[in-house]
Amino acid sequence: MAREACEYPAPDAPNYDPQVADITLLQDLAATAGARAGLAARAAELDGRWAVLSEASNLLAVAADRILEIRRQGGIVVDEVTPEVWDQIKYASDAFVVECRPAIG
């Protein structure tokens, strides 16, 4: 499951800017993050070694859903997502990459 979470295909999002990205892309990113989180959670249930992967994946899924929600409501992402939250998203993204290294092997 961990490998599947790590290899789950993500949509191409060059120069990603959550405020101007197409809603369809944001939906695809949220769906991808949710699928990865589900797979990582199952991996962690089977082997506690994947707990960090699961936590990172879950945070990224929550963030992707929140960004999508803000945009659907016409809000301004940078006004509603604090710099501290962006830092947490970055840390989670880095953790996801690091935790995927042994899963992909």
PDB file of N, CA and C in Angstrom:
ATOM      1  N   MET A   1       0.799  -1.204   0.000  1.00  0.00           N
ATOM      2  CA  MET A   1       0.000   0.000   0.000  1.00  0.00           C
ATOM      3  C   MET A   1       0.846   1.275   0.000  1.00  0.00           C
ATOM      4  N   ALA A   2       1.955   1.260   0.737  1.00  0.00           N
ATOM      5  CA  ALA A   2       2.808   2.447   0.785  1.00  0.00           C
ATOM      6  C   ALA A   2       3.332   2.765  -0.607  1.00  0.00           C
ATOM      7  N   ARG A   3       3.773   1.743  -1.304  1.00  0.00           N
ATOM      8  CA  ARG A   3       4.285   1.964  -2.660  1.00  0.00           C
ATOM      9  C   ARG A   3       3.194   2.540  -3.559  1.00  0.00           C
ATOM     10  N   GLU A   4       1.990   2.012  -3.444  1.00  0.00           N
ATOM     11  CA  GLU A   4       0.887   2.508  -4.257  1.00  0.00           C
ATOM     12  C   GLU A   4       0.587   3.974  -3.946  1.00  0.00           C
ATOM     13  N   ALA A   5       0.646   4.325  -2.662  1.00  0.00           N
ATOM     14  CA  ALA A   5       0.419   5.724  -2.277  1.00  0.00           C
ATOM     15  C   ALA A   5       1.473   6.623  -2.908  1.00  0.00           C
ATOM     16  N   CYS A   6       2.704   6.168  -2.881  1.00  0.00           N
ATOM     17  CA  CYS A   6       3.806   6.976  -3.401  1.00  0.00           C
ATOM     18  C   CYS A   6       3.796   7.073  -4.923  1.00  0.00           C
ATOM     19  N   GLU A   7       3.333   6.027  -5.566  1.00  0.00           N
ATOM     20  CA  GLU A   7       3.347   6.012  -7.026  1.00  0.00           C
ATOM     21  C   GLU A   7       2.022   6.441  -7.646  1.00  0.00           C
ATOM     22  N   TYR A   8       1.050   6.778  -6.813  1.00  0.00           N
ATOM     23  CA  TYR A   8      -0.249   7.200  -7.344  1.00  0.00           C
ATOM     24  C   TYR A   8      -0.041   8.418  -8.244  1.00  0.00           C
ATOM     25  N   PRO A   9      -0.489   8.348  -9.486  1.00  0.00           N
ATOM     26  CA  PRO A   9      -0.195   9.433 -10.421  1.00  0.00           C
ATOM     27  C   PRO A   9      -0.893  10.746 -10.047  1.00  0.00           C
ATOM     28  N   ALA A  10      -0.130  11.804 -10.185  1.00  0.00           N
ATOM     29  CA  ALA A  10      -0.649  13.148  -9.896  1.00  0.00           C
ATOM     30  C   ALA A  10      -0.742  13.933 -11.201  1.00  0.00           C
ATOM     31  N   PRO A  11      -1.706  14.831 -11.279  1.00  0.00           N
ATOM     32  CA  PRO A  11      -1.801  15.663 -12.478  1.00  0.00           C
ATOM     33  C   PRO A  11      -0.605  16.610 -12.561  1.00  0.00           C
ATOM     34  N   ASP A  12      -0.244  16.948 -13.774  1.00  0.00           N
ATOM     35  CA  ASP A  12       0.849  17.889 -13.996  1.00  0.00           C
ATOM     36  C   ASP A  12       0.380  19.282 -13.571  1.00  0.00           C
ATOM     37  N   ALA A  13       1.184  19.940 -12.744  1.00  0.00           N
ATOM     38  CA  ALA A  13       0.812  21.277 -12.252  1.00  0.00           C
ATOM     39  C   ALA A  13       2.035  22.196 -12.239  1.00  0.00           C
ATOM     40  N   PRO A  14       2.584  22.480 -13.435  1.00  0.00           N
ATOM     41  CA  PRO A  14       3.754  23.356 -13.466  1.00  0.00           C
ATOM     42  C   PRO A  14       3.379  24.772 -13.019  1.00  0.00           C
ATOM     43  N   ASN A  15       4.299  25.414 -12.323  1.00  0.00           N
ATOM     44  CA  ASN A  15       4.069  26.790 -11.853  1.00  0.00           C
ATOM     45  C   ASN A  15       2.756  26.907 -11.079  1.00  0.00           C
ATOM     46  N   TYR A  16       2.497  25.944 -10.234  1.00  0.00           N
ATOM     47  CA  TYR A  16       1.243  25.872  -9.476  1.00  0.00           C
ATOM     48  C   TYR A  16       1.045  27.124  -8.620  1.00  0.00           C
ATOM     49  N   ASP A  17      -0.076  27.749  -8.819  1.00  0.00           N
ATOM     50  CA  ASP A  17      -0.504  28.887  -8.000  1.00  0.00           C
ATOM     51  C   ASP A  17      -1.952  28.605  -7.626  1.00  0.00           C
ATOM     52  N   PRO A  18      -2.226  28.304  -6.355  1.00  0.00           N
ATOM     53  CA  PRO A  18      -3.584  27.899  -5.976  1.00  0.00           C
ATOM     54  C   PRO A  18      -4.643  28.964  -6.221  1.00  0.00           C
ATOM     55  N   GLN A  19      -4.245  30.213  -6.319  1.00  0.00           N
ATOM     56  CA  GLN A  19      -5.230  31.273  -6.519  1.00  0.00           C
ATOM     57  C   GLN A  19      -5.686  31.383  -7.968  1.00  0.00           C
ATOM     58  N   VAL A  20      -4.850  30.990  -8.894  1.00  0.00           N
ATOM     59  CA  VAL A  20      -5.225  31.132 -10.306  1.00  0.00           C
ATOM     60  C   VAL A  20      -5.375  29.788 -11.022  1.00  0.00           C
ATOM     61  N   ALA A  21      -5.034  28.711 -10.357  1.00  0.00           N
ATOM     62  CA  ALA A  21      -5.157  27.389 -10.976  1.00  0.00           C
ATOM     63  C   ALA A  21      -6.614  27.112 -11.329  1.00  0.00           C
ATOM     64  N   ASP A  22      -6.803  26.400 -12.411  1.00  0.00           N
ATOM     65  CA  ASP A  22      -8.134  25.999 -12.842  1.00  0.00           C
ATOM     66  C   ASP A  22      -8.784  25.127 -11.768  1.00  0.00           C
ATOM     67  N   ILE A  23     -10.060  25.331 -11.553  1.00  0.00           N
ATOM     68  CA  ILE A  23     -10.790  24.546 -10.541  1.00  0.00           C
ATOM     69  C   ILE A  23     -10.688  23.050 -10.825  1.00  0.00           C
ATOM     70  N   THR A  24     -10.712  22.684 -12.093  1.00  0.00           N
ATOM     71  CA  THR A  24     -10.595  21.264 -12.443  1.00  0.00           C
ATOM     72  C   THR A  24      -9.270  20.700 -11.972  1.00  0.00           C
ATOM     73  N   LEU A  25      -8.189  21.463 -12.118  1.00  0.00           N
ATOM     74  CA  LEU A  25      -6.893  21.019 -11.628  1.00  0.00           C
ATOM     75  C   LEU A  25      -6.927  20.882 -10.110  1.00  0.00           C
ATOM     76  N   LEU A  26      -7.520  21.845  -9.424  1.00  0.00           N
ATOM     77  CA  LEU A  26      -7.614  21.772  -7.962  1.00  0.00           C
ATOM     78  C   LEU A  26      -8.426  20.553  -7.534  1.00  0.00           C
ATOM     79  N   GLN A  27      -9.485  20.235  -8.267  1.00  0.00           N
ATOM     80  CA  GLN A  27     -10.272  19.038  -7.966  1.00  0.00           C
ATOM     81  C   GLN A  27      -9.431  17.777  -8.167  1.00  0.00           C
ATOM     82  N   ASP A  28      -8.670  17.744  -9.258  1.00  0.00           N
ATOM     83  CA  ASP A  28      -7.818  16.589  -9.530  1.00  0.00           C
ATOM     84  C   ASP A  28      -6.734  16.439  -8.471  1.00  0.00           C
ATOM     85  N   LEU A  29      -6.152  17.550  -8.063  1.00  0.00           N
ATOM     86  CA  LEU A  29      -5.122  17.507  -7.022  1.00  0.00           C
ATOM     87  C   LEU A  29      -5.709  17.035  -5.694  1.00  0.00           C
ATOM     88  N   ALA A  30      -6.900  17.505  -5.364  1.00  0.00           N
ATOM     89  CA  ALA A  30      -7.549  17.077  -4.120  1.00  0.00           C
ATOM     90  C   ALA A  30      -7.894  15.590  -4.173  1.00  0.00           C
ATOM     91  N   ALA A  31      -8.372  15.128  -5.318  1.00  0.00           N
ATOM     92  CA  ALA A  31      -8.696  13.706  -5.462  1.00  0.00           C
ATOM     93  C   ALA A  31      -7.435  12.849  -5.343  1.00  0.00           C
ATOM     94  N   THR A  32      -6.359  13.301  -5.952  1.00  0.00           N
ATOM     95  CA  THR A  32      -5.090  12.581  -5.861  1.00  0.00           C
ATOM     96  C   THR A  32      -4.605  12.527  -4.415  1.00  0.00           C
ATOM     97  N   ALA A  33      -4.639  13.667  -3.751  1.00  0.00           N
ATOM     98  CA  ALA A  33      -4.184  13.722  -2.356  1.00  0.00           C
ATOM     99  C   ALA A  33      -5.041  12.817  -1.472  1.00  0.00           C
ATOM    100  N   GLY A  34      -6.340  12.803  -1.714  1.00  0.00           N
ATOM    101  CA  GLY A  34      -7.235  11.941  -0.942  1.00  0.00           C
ATOM    102  C   GLY A  34      -6.954  10.465  -1.182  1.00  0.00           C
ATOM    103  N   ALA A  35      -6.716  10.103  -2.428  1.00  0.00           N
ATOM    104  CA  ALA A  35      -6.413   8.707  -2.747  1.00  0.00           C
ATOM    105  C   ALA A  35      -5.092   8.284  -2.114  1.00  0.00           C
ATOM    106  N   ARG A  36      -4.100   9.149  -2.190  1.00  0.00           N
ATOM    107  CA  ARG A  36      -2.808   8.837  -1.572  1.00  0.00           C
ATOM    108  C   ARG A  36      -2.956   8.689  -0.057  1.00  0.00           C
ATOM    109  N   ALA A  37      -3.744   9.564   0.542  1.00  0.00           N
ATOM    110  CA  ALA A  37      -3.947   9.493   1.995  1.00  0.00           C
ATOM    111  C   ALA A  37      -4.626   8.183   2.380  1.00  0.00           C
ATOM    112  N   GLY A  38      -5.599   7.769   1.606  1.00  0.00           N
ATOM    113  CA  GLY A  38      -6.277   6.503   1.889  1.00  0.00           C
ATOM    114  C   GLY A  38      -5.343   5.311   1.790  1.00  0.00           C
ATOM    115  N   LEU A  39      -4.535   5.285   0.740  1.00  0.00           N
ATOM    116  CA  LEU A  39      -3.576   4.196   0.584  1.00  0.00           C
ATOM    117  C   LEU A  39      -2.527   4.204   1.692  1.00  0.00           C
ATOM    118  N   ALA A  40      -2.043   5.395   2.037  1.00  0.00           N
ATOM    119  CA  ALA A  40      -1.038   5.500   3.095  1.00  0.00           C
ATOM    120  C   ALA A  40      -1.611   5.095   4.451  1.00  0.00           C
ATOM    121  N   ALA A  41      -2.869   5.432   4.691  1.00  0.00           N
ATOM    122  CA  ALA A  41      -3.512   5.036   5.949  1.00  0.00           C
ATOM    123  C   ALA A  41      -3.608   3.519   6.043  1.00  0.00           C
ATOM    124  N   ARG A  42      -3.960   2.878   4.944  1.00  0.00           N
ATOM    125  CA  ARG A  42      -4.025   1.410   4.950  1.00  0.00           C
ATOM    126  C   ARG A  42      -2.644   0.803   5.158  1.00  0.00           C
ATOM    127  N   ALA A  43      -1.631   1.426   4.556  1.00  0.00           N
ATOM    128  CA  ALA A  43      -0.259   0.941   4.752  1.00  0.00           C
ATOM    129  C   ALA A  43       0.134   1.044   6.222  1.00  0.00           C
ATOM    130  N   ALA A  44      -0.219   2.154   6.850  1.00  0.00           N
ATOM    131  CA  ALA A  44       0.118   2.358   8.266  1.00  0.00           C
ATOM    132  C   ALA A  44      -0.636   1.376   9.163  1.00  0.00           C
ATOM    133  N   GLU A  45      -1.857   1.019   8.776  1.00  0.00           N
ATOM    134  CA  GLU A  45      -2.607   0.029   9.554  1.00  0.00           C
ATOM    135  C   GLU A  45      -1.918  -1.329   9.501  1.00  0.00           C
ATOM    136  N   LEU A  46      -1.342  -1.657   8.351  1.00  0.00           N
ATOM    137  CA  LEU A  46      -0.674  -2.944   8.180  1.00  0.00           C
ATOM    138  C   LEU A  46       0.717  -2.957   8.802  1.00  0.00           C
ATOM    139  N   ASP A  47       1.370  -1.801   8.805  1.00  0.00           N
ATOM    140  CA  ASP A  47       2.735  -1.709   9.332  1.00  0.00           C
ATOM    141  C   ASP A  47       2.951  -0.286   9.841  1.00  0.00           C
ATOM    142  N   GLY A  48       3.158  -0.158  11.130  1.00  0.00           N
ATOM    143  CA  GLY A  48       3.328   1.153  11.754  1.00  0.00           C
ATOM    144  C   GLY A  48       4.488   1.952  11.201  1.00  0.00           C
ATOM    145  N   ARG A  49       5.376   1.309  10.469  1.00  0.00           N
ATOM    146  CA  ARG A  49       6.505   2.000   9.861  1.00  0.00           C
ATOM    147  C   ARG A  49       6.009   3.122   8.946  1.00  0.00           C
ATOM    148  N   TRP A  50       4.796   3.009   8.415  1.00  0.00           N
ATOM    149  CA  TRP A  50       4.271   3.978   7.456  1.00  0.00           C
ATOM    150  C   TRP A  50       3.403   5.051   8.107  1.00  0.00           C
ATOM    151  N   ALA A  51       3.478   5.188   9.415  1.00  0.00           N
ATOM    152  CA  ALA A  51       2.667   6.189  10.117  1.00  0.00           C
ATOM    153  C   ALA A  51       2.988   7.613   9.670  1.00  0.00           C
ATOM    154  N   VAL A  52       4.253   7.927   9.488  1.00  0.00           N
ATOM    155  CA  VAL A  52       4.628   9.284   9.063  1.00  0.00           C
ATOM    156  C   VAL A  52       4.135   9.543   7.644  1.00  0.00           C
ATOM    157  N   LEU A  53       4.252   8.552   6.787  1.00  0.00           N
ATOM    158  CA  LEU A  53       3.723   8.689   5.424  1.00  0.00           C
ATOM    159  C   LEU A  53       2.226   8.967   5.471  1.00  0.00           C
ATOM    160  N   SER A  54       1.534   8.262   6.327  1.00  0.00           N
ATOM    161  CA  SER A  54       0.095   8.450   6.463  1.00  0.00           C
ATOM    162  C   SER A  54      -0.239   9.847   6.986  1.00  0.00           C
ATOM    163  N   GLU A  55       0.473  10.285   8.013  1.00  0.00           N
ATOM    164  CA  GLU A  55       0.219  11.618   8.570  1.00  0.00           C
ATOM    165  C   GLU A  55       0.492  12.710   7.544  1.00  0.00           C
ATOM    166  N   ALA A  56       1.598  12.588   6.827  1.00  0.00           N
ATOM    167  CA  ALA A  56       1.938  13.588   5.812  1.00  0.00           C
ATOM    168  C   ALA A  56       0.896  13.595   4.699  1.00  0.00           C
ATOM    169  N   SER A  57       0.501  12.422   4.261  1.00  0.00           N
ATOM    170  CA  SER A  57      -0.489  12.315   3.193  1.00  0.00           C
ATOM    171  C   SER A  57      -1.821  12.903   3.622  1.00  0.00           C
ATOM    172  N   ASN A  58      -2.199  12.654   4.856  1.00  0.00           N
ATOM    173  CA  ASN A  58      -3.461  13.182   5.364  1.00  0.00           C
ATOM    174  C   ASN A  58      -3.434  14.703   5.426  1.00  0.00           C
ATOM    175  N   LEU A  59      -2.342  15.271   5.909  1.00  0.00           N
ATOM    176  CA  LEU A  59      -2.245  16.725   5.961  1.00  0.00           C
ATOM    177  C   LEU A  59      -2.328  17.326   4.563  1.00  0.00           C
ATOM    178  N   LEU A  60      -1.664  16.709   3.602  1.00  0.00           N
ATOM    179  CA  LEU A  60      -1.715  17.211   2.234  1.00  0.00           C
ATOM    180  C   LEU A  60      -3.123  17.110   1.649  1.00  0.00           C
ATOM    181  N   ALA A  61      -3.836  16.049   1.978  1.00  0.00           N
ATOM    182  CA  ALA A  61      -5.206  15.898   1.495  1.00  0.00           C
ATOM    183  C   ALA A  61      -6.125  16.957   2.094  1.00  0.00           C
ATOM    184  N   VAL A  62      -5.977  17.204   3.381  1.00  0.00           N
ATOM    185  CA  VAL A  62      -6.784  18.238   4.044  1.00  0.00           C
ATOM    186  C   VAL A  62      -6.482  19.600   3.435  1.00  0.00           C
ATOM    187  N   ALA A  63      -5.216  19.881   3.192  1.00  0.00           N
ATOM    188  CA  ALA A  63      -4.830  21.167   2.603  1.00  0.00           C
ATOM    189  C   ALA A  63      -5.400  21.319   1.197  1.00  0.00           C
ATOM    190  N   ALA A  64      -5.305  20.271   0.397  1.00  0.00           N
ATOM    191  CA  ALA A  64      -5.828  20.336  -0.970  1.00  0.00           C
ATOM    192  C   ALA A  64      -7.341  20.561  -0.965  1.00  0.00           C
ATOM    193  N   ASP A  65      -8.041  19.880  -0.069  1.00  0.00           N
ATOM    194  CA  ASP A  65      -9.492  20.081   0.050  1.00  0.00           C
ATOM    195  C   ASP A  65      -9.820  21.505   0.482  1.00  0.00           C
ATOM    196  N   ARG A  66      -9.034  22.040   1.407  1.00  0.00           N
ATOM    197  CA  ARG A  66      -9.277  23.402   1.903  1.00  0.00           C
ATOM    198  C   ARG A  66      -9.040  24.439   0.811  1.00  0.00           C
ATOM    199  N   ILE A  67      -7.967  24.276   0.058  1.00  0.00           N
ATOM    200  CA  ILE A  67      -7.691  25.209  -1.041  1.00  0.00           C
ATOM    201  C   ILE A  67      -8.815  25.158  -2.064  1.00  0.00           C
ATOM    202  N   LEU A  68      -9.263  23.967  -2.392  1.00  0.00           N
ATOM    203  CA  LEU A  68     -10.377  23.817  -3.330  1.00  0.00           C
ATOM    204  C   LEU A  68     -11.625  24.505  -2.781  1.00  0.00           C
ATOM    205  N   GLU A  69     -11.922  24.306  -1.510  1.00  0.00           N
ATOM    206  CA  GLU A  69     -13.086  24.928  -0.883  1.00  0.00           C
ATOM    207  C   GLU A  69     -13.005  26.455  -0.934  1.00  0.00           C
ATOM    208  N   ILE A  70     -11.842  26.993  -0.612  1.00  0.00           N
ATOM    209  CA  ILE A  70     -11.660  28.449  -0.640  1.00  0.00           C
ATOM    210  C   ILE A  70     -11.939  28.985  -2.041  1.00  0.00           C
ATOM    211  N   ARG A  71     -11.376  28.348  -3.033  1.00  0.00           N
ATOM    212  CA  ARG A  71     -11.556  28.809  -4.406  1.00  0.00           C
ATOM    213  C   ARG A  71     -13.003  28.673  -4.864  1.00  0.00           C
ATOM    214  N   ARG A  72     -13.654  27.574  -4.494  1.00  0.00           N
ATOM    215  CA  ARG A  72     -15.062  27.396  -4.886  1.00  0.00           C
ATOM    216  C   ARG A  72     -15.942  28.477  -4.286  1.00  0.00           C
ATOM    217  N   GLN A  73     -15.555  28.955  -3.107  1.00  0.00           N
ATOM    218  CA  GLN A  73     -16.336  30.004  -2.440  1.00  0.00           C
ATOM    219  C   GLN A  73     -15.913  31.403  -2.871  1.00  0.00           C
ATOM    220  N   GLY A  74     -14.971  31.484  -3.800  1.00  0.00           N
ATOM    221  CA  GLY A  74     -14.531  32.783  -4.297  1.00  0.00           C
ATOM    222  C   GLY A  74     -13.550  33.495  -3.388  1.00  0.00           C
ATOM    223  N   GLY A  75     -12.986  32.783  -2.430  1.00  0.00           N
ATOM    224  CA  GLY A  75     -12.058  33.393  -1.487  1.00  0.00           C
ATOM    225  C   GLY A  75     -10.660  33.554  -2.055  1.00  0.00           C
ATOM    226  N   ILE A  76      -9.839  34.235  -1.294  1.00  0.00           N
ATOM    227  CA  ILE A  76      -8.440  34.451  -1.662  1.00  0.00           C
ATOM    228  C   ILE A  76      -7.595  33.523  -0.791  1.00  0.00           C
ATOM    229  N   VAL A  77      -6.909  32.614  -1.440  1.00  0.00           N
ATOM    230  CA  VAL A  77      -6.177  31.559  -0.731  1.00  0.00           C
ATOM    231  C   VAL A  77      -5.176  32.152   0.253  1.00  0.00           C
ATOM    232  N   VAL A  78      -4.383  33.126  -0.170  1.00  0.00           N
ATOM    233  CA  VAL A  78      -3.342  33.655   0.724  1.00  0.00           C
ATOM    234  C   VAL A  78      -3.931  34.396   1.920  1.00  0.00           C
ATOM    235  N   ASP A  79      -5.172  34.833   1.810  1.00  0.00           N
ATOM    236  CA  ASP A  79      -5.825  35.486   2.945  1.00  0.00           C
ATOM    237  C   ASP A  79      -6.347  34.482   3.961  1.00  0.00           C
ATOM    238  N   GLU A  80      -6.599  33.256   3.498  1.00  0.00           N
ATOM    239  CA  GLU A  80      -7.219  32.263   4.370  1.00  0.00           C
ATOM    240  C   GLU A  80      -6.284  31.141   4.819  1.00  0.00           C
ATOM    241  N   VAL A  81      -5.137  31.041   4.184  1.00  0.00           N
ATOM    242  CA  VAL A  81      -4.153  30.035   4.567  1.00  0.00           C
ATOM    243  C   VAL A  81      -2.930  30.789   5.080  1.00  0.00           C
ATOM    244  N   THR A  82      -2.668  30.648   6.361  1.00  0.00           N
ATOM    245  CA  THR A  82      -1.598  31.408   7.003  1.00  0.00           C
ATOM    246  C   THR A  82      -0.216  30.909   6.568  1.00  0.00           C
ATOM    247  N   PRO A  83       0.809  31.738   6.724  1.00  0.00           N
ATOM    248  CA  PRO A  83       2.165  31.283   6.411  1.00  0.00           C
ATOM    249  C   PRO A  83       2.565  30.040   7.215  1.00  0.00           C
ATOM    250  N   GLU A  84       2.077  29.938   8.449  1.00  0.00           N
ATOM    251  CA  GLU A  84       2.379  28.753   9.262  1.00  0.00           C
ATOM    252  C   GLU A  84       1.782  27.492   8.637  1.00  0.00           C
ATOM    253  N   VAL A  85       0.592  27.616   8.086  1.00  0.00           N
ATOM    254  CA  VAL A  85      -0.032  26.463   7.432  1.00  0.00           C
ATOM    255  C   VAL A  85       0.737  26.108   6.160  1.00  0.00           C
ATOM    256  N   TRP A  86       1.169  27.116   5.408  1.00  0.00           N
ATOM    257  CA  TRP A  86       1.982  26.840   4.221  1.00  0.00           C
ATOM    258  C   TRP A  86       3.256  26.109   4.621  1.00  0.00           C
ATOM    259  N   ASP A  87       3.852  26.502   5.748  1.00  0.00           N
ATOM    260  CA  ASP A  87       5.046  25.799   6.235  1.00  0.00           C
ATOM    261  C   ASP A  87       4.723  24.341   6.540  1.00  0.00           C
ATOM    262  N   GLN A  88       3.585  24.095   7.183  1.00  0.00           N
ATOM    263  CA  GLN A  88       3.178  22.719   7.491  1.00  0.00           C
ATOM    264  C   GLN A  88       2.969  21.920   6.213  1.00  0.00           C
ATOM    265  N   ILE A  89       2.386  22.550   5.204  1.00  0.00           N
ATOM    266  CA  ILE A  89       2.173  21.878   3.915  1.00  0.00           C
ATOM    267  C   ILE A  89       3.525  21.518   3.292  1.00  0.00           C
ATOM    268  N   LYS A  90       4.461  22.449   3.341  1.00  0.00           N
ATOM    269  CA  LYS A  90       5.799  22.194   2.796  1.00  0.00           C
ATOM    270  C   LYS A  90       6.478  21.058   3.553  1.00  0.00           C
ATOM    271  N   TYR A  91       6.411  21.084   4.886  1.00  0.00           N
ATOM    272  CA  TYR A  91       7.017  20.020   5.687  1.00  0.00           C
ATOM    273  C   TYR A  91       6.374  18.671   5.369  1.00  0.00           C
ATOM    274  N   ALA A  92       5.056  18.665   5.221  1.00  0.00           N
ATOM    275  CA  ALA A  92       4.355  17.415   4.900  1.00  0.00           C
ATOM    276  C   ALA A  92       4.752  16.914   3.516  1.00  0.00           C
ATOM    277  N   SER A  93       4.890  17.819   2.586  1.00  0.00           N
ATOM    278  CA  SER A  93       5.305  17.440   1.238  1.00  0.00           C
ATOM    279  C   SER A  93       6.715  16.844   1.257  1.00  0.00           C
ATOM    280  N   ASP A  94       7.605  17.483   1.996  1.00  0.00           N
ATOM    281  CA  ASP A  94       8.968  16.960   2.129  1.00  0.00           C
ATOM    282  C   ASP A  94       8.963  15.591   2.807  1.00  0.00           C
ATOM    283  N   ALA A  95       8.163  15.443   3.855  1.00  0.00           N
ATOM    284  CA  ALA A  95       8.074  14.167   4.567  1.00  0.00           C
ATOM    285  C   ALA A  95       7.533  13.076   3.649  1.00  0.00           C
ATOM    286  N   PHE A  96       6.542  13.415   2.840  1.00  0.00           N
ATOM    287  CA  PHE A  96       5.978  12.445   1.897  1.00  0.00           C
ATOM    288  C   PHE A  96       7.080  11.931   0.967  1.00  0.00           C
ATOM    289  N   VAL A  97       7.864  12.836   0.415  1.00  0.00           N
ATOM    290  CA  VAL A  97       8.936  12.452  -0.502  1.00  0.00           C
ATOM    291  C   VAL A  97       9.967  11.573   0.211  1.00  0.00           C
ATOM    292  N   VAL A  98      10.378  11.979   1.395  1.00  0.00           N
ATOM    293  CA  VAL A  98      11.380  11.218   2.151  1.00  0.00           C
ATOM    294  C   VAL A  98      10.847   9.832   2.498  1.00  0.00           C
ATOM    295  N   GLU A  99       9.609   9.757   2.962  1.00  0.00           N
ATOM    296  CA  GLU A  99       9.032   8.469   3.349  1.00  0.00           C
ATOM    297  C   GLU A  99       8.783   7.563   2.147  1.00  0.00           C
ATOM    298  N   CYS A 100       8.637   8.146   0.969  1.00  0.00           N
ATOM    299  CA  CYS A 100       8.410   7.331  -0.227  1.00  0.00           C
ATOM    300  C   CYS A 100       9.685   6.671  -0.742  1.00  0.00           C
ATOM    301  N   ARG A 101      10.817   7.220  -0.411  1.00  0.00           N
ATOM    302  CA  ARG A 101      12.076   6.643  -0.911  1.00  0.00           C
ATOM    303  C   ARG A 101      12.197   5.155  -0.608  1.00  0.00           C
ATOM    304  N   PRO A 102      12.031   4.733   0.651  1.00  0.00           N
ATOM    305  CA  PRO A 102      12.151   3.292   0.912  1.00  0.00           C
ATOM    306  C   PRO A 102      10.971   2.491   0.358  1.00  0.00           C
ATOM    307  N   ALA A 103       9.824   3.119   0.224  1.00  0.00           N
ATOM    308  CA  ALA A 103       8.661   2.400  -0.302  1.00  0.00           C
ATOM    309  C   ALA A 103       8.837   2.068  -1.773  1.00  0.00           C
ATOM    310  N   ILE A 104       9.454   2.983  -2.491  1.00  0.00           N
ATOM    311  CA  ILE A 104       9.660   2.777  -3.924  1.00  0.00           C
ATOM    312  C   ILE A 104      10.908   1.940  -4.173  1.00  0.00           C
ATOM    313  N   GLY A 105      11.864   2.140  -3.270  1.00  0.00           N
ATOM    314  CA  GLY A 105      13.093   1.345  -3.289  1.00  0.00           C
ATOM    315  C   GLY A 105      13.938   1.575  -4.471  1.00  0.00           C
TER     316      GLY A 105
END
